[in-house]
C-alpha atoms as a PDB file:
ATOM      1  CA  MET A   1     -49.525 -41.013  13.863  1.00  0.00           C
ATOM      2  CA  PRO A   2     -47.539 -38.633  11.574  1.00  0.00           C
ATOM      3  CA  PRO A   3     -47.638 -34.924  12.795  1.00  0.00           C
ATOM      4  CA  ARG A   4     -49.772 -31.920  11.531  1.00  0.00           C
ATOM      5  CA  ILE A   5     -47.309 -29.200  10.369  1.00  0.00           C
ATOM      6  CA  THR A   6     -48.200 -25.400   9.698  1.00  0.00           C
ATOM      7  CA  ILE A   7     -45.357 -23.604   7.884  1.00  0.00           C
ATOM      8  CA  ALA A   8     -45.342 -19.790   7.415  1.00  0.00           C
ATOM      9  CA  ALA A   9     -42.700 -17.770   5.321  1.00  0.00           C
ATOM     10  CA  ARG A  10     -42.502 -14.504   3.623  1.00  0.00           C
ATOM     11  CA  SER A  11     -40.108 -14.605   0.890  1.00  0.00           C
ATOM     12  CA  ALA A  12     -37.908 -17.418   1.557  1.00  0.00           C
ATOM     13  CA  PRO A  13     -37.864 -20.704  -0.662  1.00  0.00           C
ATOM     14  CA  VAL A  14     -39.617 -23.547   1.287  1.00  0.00           C
ATOM     15  CA  GLU A  15     -38.526 -27.113   0.938  1.00  0.00           C
ATOM     16  CA  VAL A  16     -40.120 -30.030   2.858  1.00  0.00           C
ATOM     17  CA  VAL A  17     -38.595 -33.367   2.560  1.00  0.00           C
ATOM     18  CA  ALA A  18     -40.936 -36.262   3.830  1.00  0.00           C
ATOM     19  CA  GLY A  19     -39.381 -39.728   5.002  1.00  0.00           C
ATOM     20  CA  GLY A  20     -36.191 -40.940   6.575  1.00  0.00           C
ATOM     21  CA  VAL A  21     -36.855 -39.143   9.962  1.00  0.00           C
ATOM     22  CA  ASP A  22     -38.995 -40.013  12.954  1.00  0.00           C
ATOM     23  CA  GLY A  23     -39.388 -36.362  14.179  1.00  0.00           C
ATOM     24  CA  VAL A  24     -39.581 -32.899  12.624  1.00  0.00           C
ATOM     25  CA  THR A  25     -36.315 -30.996  11.612  1.00  0.00           C
ATOM     26  CA  VAL A  26     -35.832 -27.566  10.902  1.00  0.00           C
ATOM     27  CA  ASP A  27     -33.120 -25.594   9.109  1.00  0.00           C
ATOM     28  CA  GLY A  28     -33.758 -21.864   8.476  1.00  0.00           C
ATOM     29  CA  GLY A  29     -36.672 -21.198  10.925  1.00  0.00           C
ATOM     30  CA  SER A  30     -38.122 -21.593  14.433  1.00  0.00           C
ATOM     31  CA  ILE A  31     -40.289 -24.339  15.718  1.00  0.00           C
ATOM     32  CA  VAL A  32     -42.984 -24.470  18.246  1.00  0.00           C
ATOM     33  CA  THR A  33     -45.303 -27.449  19.305  1.00  0.00           C
ATOM     34  CA  THR A  34     -48.722 -26.745  20.130  1.00  0.00           C
ATOM     35  CA  ASP A  35     -52.029 -28.715  20.829  1.00  0.00           C
ATOM     36  CA  GLU A  36     -52.949 -28.251  17.277  1.00  0.00           C
ATOM     37  CA  GLY A  37     -49.647 -29.737  15.854  1.00  0.00           C
ATOM     38  CA  ILE A  38     -46.108 -28.131  15.091  1.00  0.00           C
ATOM     39  CA  GLU A  39     -45.911 -24.571  13.771  1.00  0.00           C
ATOM     40  CA  ILE A  40     -42.707 -23.482  11.952  1.00  0.00           C
ATOM     41  CA  THR A  41     -41.836 -19.896  10.751  1.00  0.00           C
ATOM     42  CA  GLY A  42     -39.246 -19.179   8.248  1.00  0.00           C
ATOM     43  CA  ARG A  43     -36.730 -16.254   8.272  1.00  0.00           C
ATOM     44  CA  SER A  44     -35.763 -14.375   5.204  1.00  0.00           C
ATOM     45  CA  SER A  45     -33.113 -17.147   4.358  1.00  0.00           C
ATOM     46  CA  ARG A  46     -33.948 -20.655   2.885  1.00  0.00           C
ATOM     47  CA  LEU A  47     -36.379 -22.835   4.908  1.00  0.00           C
ATOM     48  CA  ARG A  48     -35.923 -26.592   4.945  1.00  0.00           C
ATOM     49  CA  VAL A  49     -38.165 -28.970   6.757  1.00  0.00           C
ATOM     50  CA  GLY A  50     -37.711 -32.728   7.356  1.00  0.00           C
ATOM     51  CA  CYS A  51     -40.583 -34.766   8.556  1.00  0.00           C
ATOM     52  CA  PRO A  52     -42.112 -38.313   8.690  1.00  0.00           C
ATOM     53  CA  ALA A  53     -43.818 -39.858   5.682  1.00  0.00           C
ATOM     54  CA  GLY A  54     -47.453 -39.122   5.744  1.00  0.00           C
ATOM     55  CA  ALA A  55     -47.334 -35.814   7.598  1.00  0.00           C
ATOM     56  CA  ASP A  56     -50.284 -33.480   6.911  1.00  0.00           C
ATOM     57  CA  VAL A  57     -48.673 -30.008   5.826  1.00  0.00           C
ATOM     58  CA  ARG A  58     -49.981 -26.500   5.406  1.00  0.00           C
ATOM     59  CA  ILE A  59     -47.627 -23.775   3.942  1.00  0.00           C
ATOM     60  CA  ALA A  60     -48.325 -20.125   3.362  1.00  0.00           C
ATOM     61  CA  THR A  61     -45.819 -17.817   1.915  1.00  0.00           C
ATOM     62  CA  ALA A  62     -45.938 -14.456   0.221  1.00  0.00           C
ATOM     63  CA  SER A  63     -43.467 -15.206  -2.455  1.00  0.00           C
ATOM     64  CA  GLY A  64     -40.758 -17.994  -3.061  1.00  0.00           C
ATOM     65  CA  LYS A  65     -40.442 -21.470  -4.495  1.00  0.00           C
ATOM     66  CA  VAL A  66     -42.247 -24.096  -2.581  1.00  0.00           C
ATOM     67  CA  THR A  67     -41.026 -27.638  -2.984  1.00  0.00           C
ATOM     68  CA  THR A  68     -41.966 -31.024  -1.548  1.00  0.00           C
ATOM     69  CA  THR A  69     -40.446 -34.468  -1.966  1.00  0.00           C
ATOM     70  CA  GLY A  70     -41.237 -37.632  -0.411  1.00  0.00           C
ATOM     71  CA  PRO A  71     -44.870 -38.957   0.488  1.00  0.00           C
ATOM     72  CA  LEU A  72     -47.044 -36.412   2.279  1.00  0.00           C
ATOM     73  CA  GLY A  73     -50.503 -36.707   3.521  1.00  0.00           C
ATOM     74  CA  ASP A  74     -52.975 -33.687   3.178  1.00  0.00           C
ATOM     75  CA  VAL A  75     -51.109 -30.814   1.684  1.00  0.00           C
ATOM     76  CA  HIS A  76     -52.421 -27.257   1.417  1.00  0.00           C
ATOM     77  CA  ILE A  77     -50.244 -24.635  -0.021  1.00  0.00           C
ATOM     78  CA  THR A  78     -51.061 -20.843  -0.500  1.00  0.00           C
ATOM     79  CA  THR A  79     -48.677 -18.390  -2.045  1.00  0.00           C
ATOM     80  CA  ARG A  80     -48.982 -15.227  -3.924  1.00  0.00           C
ATOM     81  CA  SER A  81     -46.175 -15.935  -6.413  1.00  0.00           C
ATOM     82  CA  GLY A  82     -43.322 -18.630  -6.933  1.00  0.00           C
ATOM     83  CA  LYS A  83     -43.193 -21.838  -8.505  1.00  0.00           C
ATOM     84  CA  VAL A  84     -44.839 -24.865  -6.547  1.00  0.00           C
ATOM     85  CA  SER A  85     -43.564 -28.355  -6.835  1.00  0.00           C
ATOM     86  CA  VAL A  86     -45.158 -31.289  -4.935  1.00  0.00           C
ATOM     87  CA  GLY A  87     -43.731 -34.723  -5.432  1.00  0.00           C
ATOM     88  CA  GLU A  88     -46.418 -36.933  -3.661  1.00  0.00           C
ATOM     89  CA  ALA A  89     -49.640 -36.316  -1.572  1.00  0.00           C
ATOM     90  CA  ARG A  90     -52.617 -38.036  -0.416  1.00  0.00           C
ATOM     91  CA  ARG A  91     -54.705 -35.079  -1.065  1.00  0.00           C
ATOM     92  CA  LEU A  92     -53.648 -31.704  -2.318  1.00  0.00           C
ATOM     93  CA  GLU A  93     -54.890 -28.056  -2.355  1.00  0.00           C
ATOM     94  CA  VAL A  94     -52.785 -25.376  -4.103  1.00  0.00           C
ATOM     95  CA  ARG A  95     -53.681 -21.556  -4.514  1.00  0.00           C
ATOM     96  CA  THR A  96     -51.563 -19.117  -6.048  1.00  0.00           C
ATOM     97  CA  MET A  97     -51.719 -15.844  -7.823  1.00  0.00           C
ATOM     98  CA  SER A  98     -48.956 -16.275 -10.167  1.00  0.00           C
ATOM     99  CA  GLY A  99     -46.326 -19.220 -10.797  1.00  0.00           C
ATOM    100  CA  ARG A 100     -46.128 -22.488 -12.229  1.00  0.00           C
ATOM    101  CA  VAL A 101     -47.591 -25.525 -10.179  1.00  0.00           C
ATOM    102  CA  HIS A 102     -46.309 -28.964 -10.906  1.00  0.00           C
ATOM    103  CA  VAL A 103     -47.479 -32.105  -9.125  1.00  0.00           C
ATOM    104  CA  GLY A 104     -46.000 -35.553  -9.358  1.00  0.00           C
ATOM    105  CA  ALA A 105     -48.706 -37.803  -7.665  1.00  0.00           C
ATOM    106  CA  CYS A 106     -51.773 -37.172  -5.757  1.00  0.00           C
ATOM    107  CA  GLU A 107     -53.620 -40.324  -4.454  1.00  0.00           C
ATOM    108  CA  GLY A 108     -56.925 -38.498  -3.989  1.00  0.00           C
ATOM    109  CA  GLU A 109     -58.419 -35.219  -4.872  1.00  0.00           C
ATOM    110  CA  CYS A 110     -56.026 -32.596  -6.293  1.00  0.00           C
ATOM    111  CA  ARG A 111     -57.287 -28.879  -6.326  1.00  0.00           C
ATOM    112  CA  CYS A 112     -55.513 -25.972  -8.015  1.00  0.00           C
ATOM    113  CA  VAL A 113     -56.643 -22.452  -8.119  1.00  0.00           C
ATOM    114  CA  VAL A 114     -54.248 -20.424 -10.173  1.00  0.00           C
ATOM    115  CA  THR A 115     -54.759 -16.751 -11.662  1.00  0.00           C
ATOM    116  CA  SER A 116     -51.902 -17.087 -14.158  1.00  0.00           C
ATOM    117  CA  GLY A 117     -49.173 -19.388 -14.977  1.00  0.00           C
ATOM    118  CA  ALA A 118     -49.161 -23.171 -15.654  1.00  0.00           C
ATOM    119  CA  VAL A 119     -50.400 -26.271 -13.915  1.00  0.00           C
ATOM    120  CA  THR A 120     -48.931 -29.602 -14.733  1.00  0.00           C
ATOM    121  CA  ILE A 121     -50.130 -32.856 -13.019  1.00  0.00           C
ATOM    122  CA  ASP A 122     -48.551 -36.048 -13.812  1.00  0.00           C
ATOM    123  CA  ARG A 123     -51.072 -38.360 -11.967  1.00  0.00           C
ATOM    124  CA  ALA A 124     -54.133 -37.987  -9.525  1.00  0.00           C
ATOM    125  CA  GLY A 125     -57.168 -39.772  -8.328  1.00  0.00           C
ATOM    126  CA  SER A 126     -59.297 -36.679  -9.363  1.00  0.00           C
ATOM    127  CA  VAL A 127     -58.521 -33.054 -10.268  1.00  0.00           C
ATOM    128  CA  GLU A 128     -60.343 -29.624 -10.110  1.00  0.00           C
ATOM    129  CA  VAL A 129     -58.453 -26.796 -11.635  1.00  0.00           C
ATOM    130  CA  THR A 130     -59.656 -23.103 -11.817  1.00  0.00           C
ATOM    131  CA  SER A 131     -57.536 -20.605 -13.754  1.00  0.00           C
ATOM    132  CA  THR A 132     -57.791 -17.138 -15.268  1.00  0.00           C
ATOM    133  CA  SER A 133     -54.913 -17.536 -17.631  1.00  0.00           C
ATOM    134  CA  ALA A 134     -52.827 -20.759 -17.610  1.00  0.00           C
ATOM    135  CA  LYS A 135     -51.896 -23.932 -19.409  1.00  0.00           C
ATOM    136  CA  VAL A 136     -53.311 -26.857 -17.821  1.00  0.00           C
ATOM    137  CA  GLU A 137     -51.843 -30.569 -18.496  1.00  0.00           C
ATOM    138  CA  VAL A 138     -52.771 -33.679 -16.637  1.00  0.00           C
ATOM    139  CA  GLY A 139     -51.080 -36.906 -17.799  1.00  0.00           C
ATOM    140  CA  ASP A 140     -53.209 -39.514 -15.987  1.00  0.00           C
ATOM    141  CA  VAL A 141     -56.390 -38.829 -13.964  1.00  0.00           C
ATOM    142  CA  GLY A 142     -59.835 -40.180 -12.942  1.00  0.00           C
ATOM    143  CA  ASP A 143     -62.574 -37.582 -12.817  1.00  0.00           C
ATOM    144  CA  ALA A 144     -61.651 -33.986 -13.937  1.00  0.00           C
ATOM    145  CA  ALA A 145     -63.423 -30.619 -13.616  1.00  0.00           C
ATOM    146  CA  ILE A 146     -61.382 -27.747 -15.225  1.00  0.00           C
ATOM    147  CA  THR A 147     -62.395 -24.138 -15.697  1.00  0.00           C
ATOM    148  CA  VAL A 148     -60.185 -21.678 -17.757  1.00  0.00           C
ATOM    149  CA  MET A 149     -60.723 -18.139 -19.168  1.00  0.00           C
ATOM    150  CA  SER A 150     -57.730 -18.568 -21.469  1.00  0.00           C
ATOM    151  CA  GLY A 151     -55.157 -21.416 -22.039  1.00  0.00           C
ATOM    152  CA  ALA A 152     -54.623 -24.696 -23.489  1.00  0.00           C
ATOM    153  CA  VAL A 153     -55.946 -27.864 -21.700  1.00  0.00           C
ATOM    154  CA  VAL A 154     -54.418 -31.152 -22.128  1.00  0.00           C
ATOM    155  CA  LEU A 155     -55.995 -34.153 -20.302  1.00  0.00           C
ATOM    156  CA  GLY A 156     -55.202 -38.034 -20.158  1.00  0.00           C
ATOM    157  CA  THR A 157     -58.250 -39.731 -18.672  1.00  0.00           C
ATOM    158  CA  ARG A 158     -58.960 -43.291 -17.469  1.00  0.00           C
ATOM    159  CA  ARG A 159     -62.050 -45.395 -18.223  1.00  0.00           C
ATOM    160  CA  ASN A 160     -65.553 -44.823 -16.548  1.00  0.00           C
ATOM    161  CA  THR A 161     -64.591 -41.382 -15.311  1.00  0.00           C
ATOM    162  CA  ALA A 162     -66.348 -37.937 -15.561  1.00  0.00           C
ATOM    163  CA  VAL A 163     -64.505 -35.025 -17.300  1.00  0.00           C
ATOM    164  CA  LYS A 164     -66.093 -31.484 -17.464  1.00  0.00           C
ATOM    165  CA  VAL A 165     -64.027 -28.566 -19.037  1.00  0.00           C
ATOM    166  CA  ARG A 166     -65.177 -25.185 -19.632  1.00  0.00           C
ATOM    167  CA  SER A 167     -62.995 -22.708 -21.476  1.00  0.00           C
ATOM    168  CA  MET A 168     -63.416 -19.217 -22.955  1.00  0.00           C
ATOM    169  CA  SER A 169     -60.236 -19.335 -25.207  1.00  0.00           C
ATOM    170  CA  GLY A 170     -57.814 -22.166 -25.973  1.00  0.00           C
ATOM    171  CA  ALA A 171     -57.471 -25.746 -27.271  1.00  0.00           C
ATOM    172  CA  VAL A 172     -58.898 -28.516 -25.373  1.00  0.00           C
ATOM    173  CA  ARG A 173     -57.433 -31.963 -26.005  1.00  0.00           C
ATOM    174  CA  VAL A 174     -58.589 -35.044 -24.238  1.00  0.00           C
ATOM    175  CA  GLN A 175     -56.953 -38.614 -24.418  1.00  0.00           C
ATOM    176  CA  VAL A 176     -58.887 -41.679 -23.392  1.00  0.00           C
ATOM    177  CA  PRO A 177     -57.778 -45.386 -23.236  1.00  0.00           C
ATOM    178  CA  ALA A 178     -57.896 -47.320 -26.358  1.00  0.00           C
ATOM    179  CA  ASP A 179     -60.893 -49.491 -25.189  1.00  0.00           C
ATOM    180  CA  ALA A 180     -62.740 -46.616 -23.801  1.00  0.00           C
ATOM    181  CA  ARG A 181     -66.250 -45.720 -25.085  1.00  0.00           C
ATOM    182  CA  PRO A 182     -67.356 -42.435 -23.405  1.00  0.00           C
ATOM    183  CA  ARG A 183     -70.337 -40.307 -23.744  1.00  0.00           C
ATOM    184  CA  THR A 184     -69.537 -36.973 -25.322  1.00  0.00           C
ATOM    185  CA  SER A 185     -70.893 -33.478 -25.372  1.00  0.00           C
ATOM    186  CA  LEU A 186     -68.594 -31.357 -27.214  1.00  0.00           C
ATOM    187  CA  ARG A 187     -69.399 -27.761 -28.236  1.00  0.00           C
ATOM    188  CA  ALA A 188     -67.238 -25.001 -29.598  1.00  0.00           C
ATOM    189  CA  LYS A 189     -68.821 -21.616 -30.668  1.00  0.00           C
ATOM    190  CA  VAL A 190     -65.732 -20.885 -32.847  1.00  0.00           C
ATOM    191  CA  GLY A 191     -63.375 -23.617 -33.546  1.00  0.00           C
ATOM    192  CA  LYS A 192     -63.175 -27.221 -34.781  1.00  0.00           C
ATOM    193  CA  VAL A 193     -64.511 -30.285 -32.888  1.00  0.00           C
ATOM    194  CA  ARG A 194     -62.990 -33.515 -33.657  1.00  0.00           C
ATOM    195  CA  CYS A 195     -63.783 -36.871 -31.845  1.00  0.00           C
ATOM    196  CA  GLU A 196     -61.722 -39.848 -32.881  1.00  0.00           C
ATOM    197  CA  CYS A 197     -62.933 -42.661 -30.289  1.00  0.00           C
ATOM    198  CA  PRO A 198     -66.308 -44.467 -30.518  1.00  0.00           C
ATOM    199  CA  THR A 199     -69.029 -43.346 -28.180  1.00  0.00           C
ATOM    200  CA  GLY A 200     -70.979 -45.317 -25.566  1.00  0.00           C
ATOM    201  CA  ASP A 201     -71.707 -45.383 -21.808  1.00  0.00           C
ATOM    202  CA  ASP A 202     -68.215 -45.750 -20.547  1.00  0.00           C
ATOM    203  CA  GLY A 203     -67.784 -42.495 -18.677  1.00  0.00           C
ATOM    204  CA  GLU A 204     -68.414 -39.037 -19.934  1.00  0.00           C
ATOM    205  CA  ILE A 205     -66.584 -36.079 -21.645  1.00  0.00           C
ATOM    206  CA  ASP A 206     -68.187 -32.769 -21.351  1.00  0.00           C
ATOM    207  CA  VAL A 207     -66.281 -29.933 -23.096  1.00  0.00           C
ATOM    208  CA  LYS A 208     -67.739 -26.500 -24.069  1.00  0.00           C
ATOM    209  CA  THR A 209     -65.422 -23.476 -25.265  1.00  0.00           C
ATOM    210  CA  MET A 210     -66.210 -20.120 -26.806  1.00  0.00           C
ATOM    211  CA  SER A 211     -63.152 -20.239 -28.904  1.00  0.00           C
ATOM    212  CA  GLY A 212     -60.799 -23.035 -29.742  1.00  0.00           C
ATOM    213  CA  LEU A 213     -60.293 -26.543 -30.853  1.00  0.00           C
ATOM    214  CA  ILE A 214     -61.755 -29.322 -29.047  1.00  0.00           C
ATOM    215  CA  GLU A 215     -60.132 -32.809 -29.859  1.00  0.00           C
ATOM    216  CA  VAL A 216     -60.888 -36.280 -28.317  1.00  0.00           C
ATOM    217  CA  THR A 217     -58.546 -39.252 -29.255  1.00  0.00           C
ATOM    218  CA  CYS A 218     -57.804 -42.803 -28.008  1.00  0.00           C
ATOM    219  CA  ARG A 219     -54.293 -43.926 -26.857  1.00  0.00           C
ATOM    220  CA  LYS A 220     -52.659 -46.254 -29.360  1.00  0.00           C
END
């Protein structure tokens, strides 16, 4: 069974590499094994952790870049500031005050809470993003719930999915598969609303914004 790993660092960059090893390796920090799992504490220099594929990882930093590569299990990342980049995860939660978040692939639920910065998710089973000020871009997703105060939202969705977007200010663009026929509820208090795809009962797109363009298109 893959290990459960907890990583704490103050301002050092943290890198986690999953796969290719049977145990856990640490460069730039100390490691302690407890009944709850493996605890790793970083020093002021760069912290690099190697672990088996599928390991569950919790990372907490004050500042500093956080990077994971290789397939991980459940991943939880909390940081005040610094770029966060996650290669692969079964499930993911990221919380940051300020910084860019990039997710390559998340098999299940992907949750991001970002005060300011940008969120880019290439592929996920479902997403839930909350932000005060950030651009949100999701390439391929099932269900999606996005809440932003300001910032553009770009979503690429699948068939038979539920999409809910709430925005105070910023354009919202949703792209659906060419053969999708979703129900739509699109309302902008100030701004244009354009829907280029036929509507039906194939999923639902619910978008409301105070100010900004709303656009729903079909993939060519």
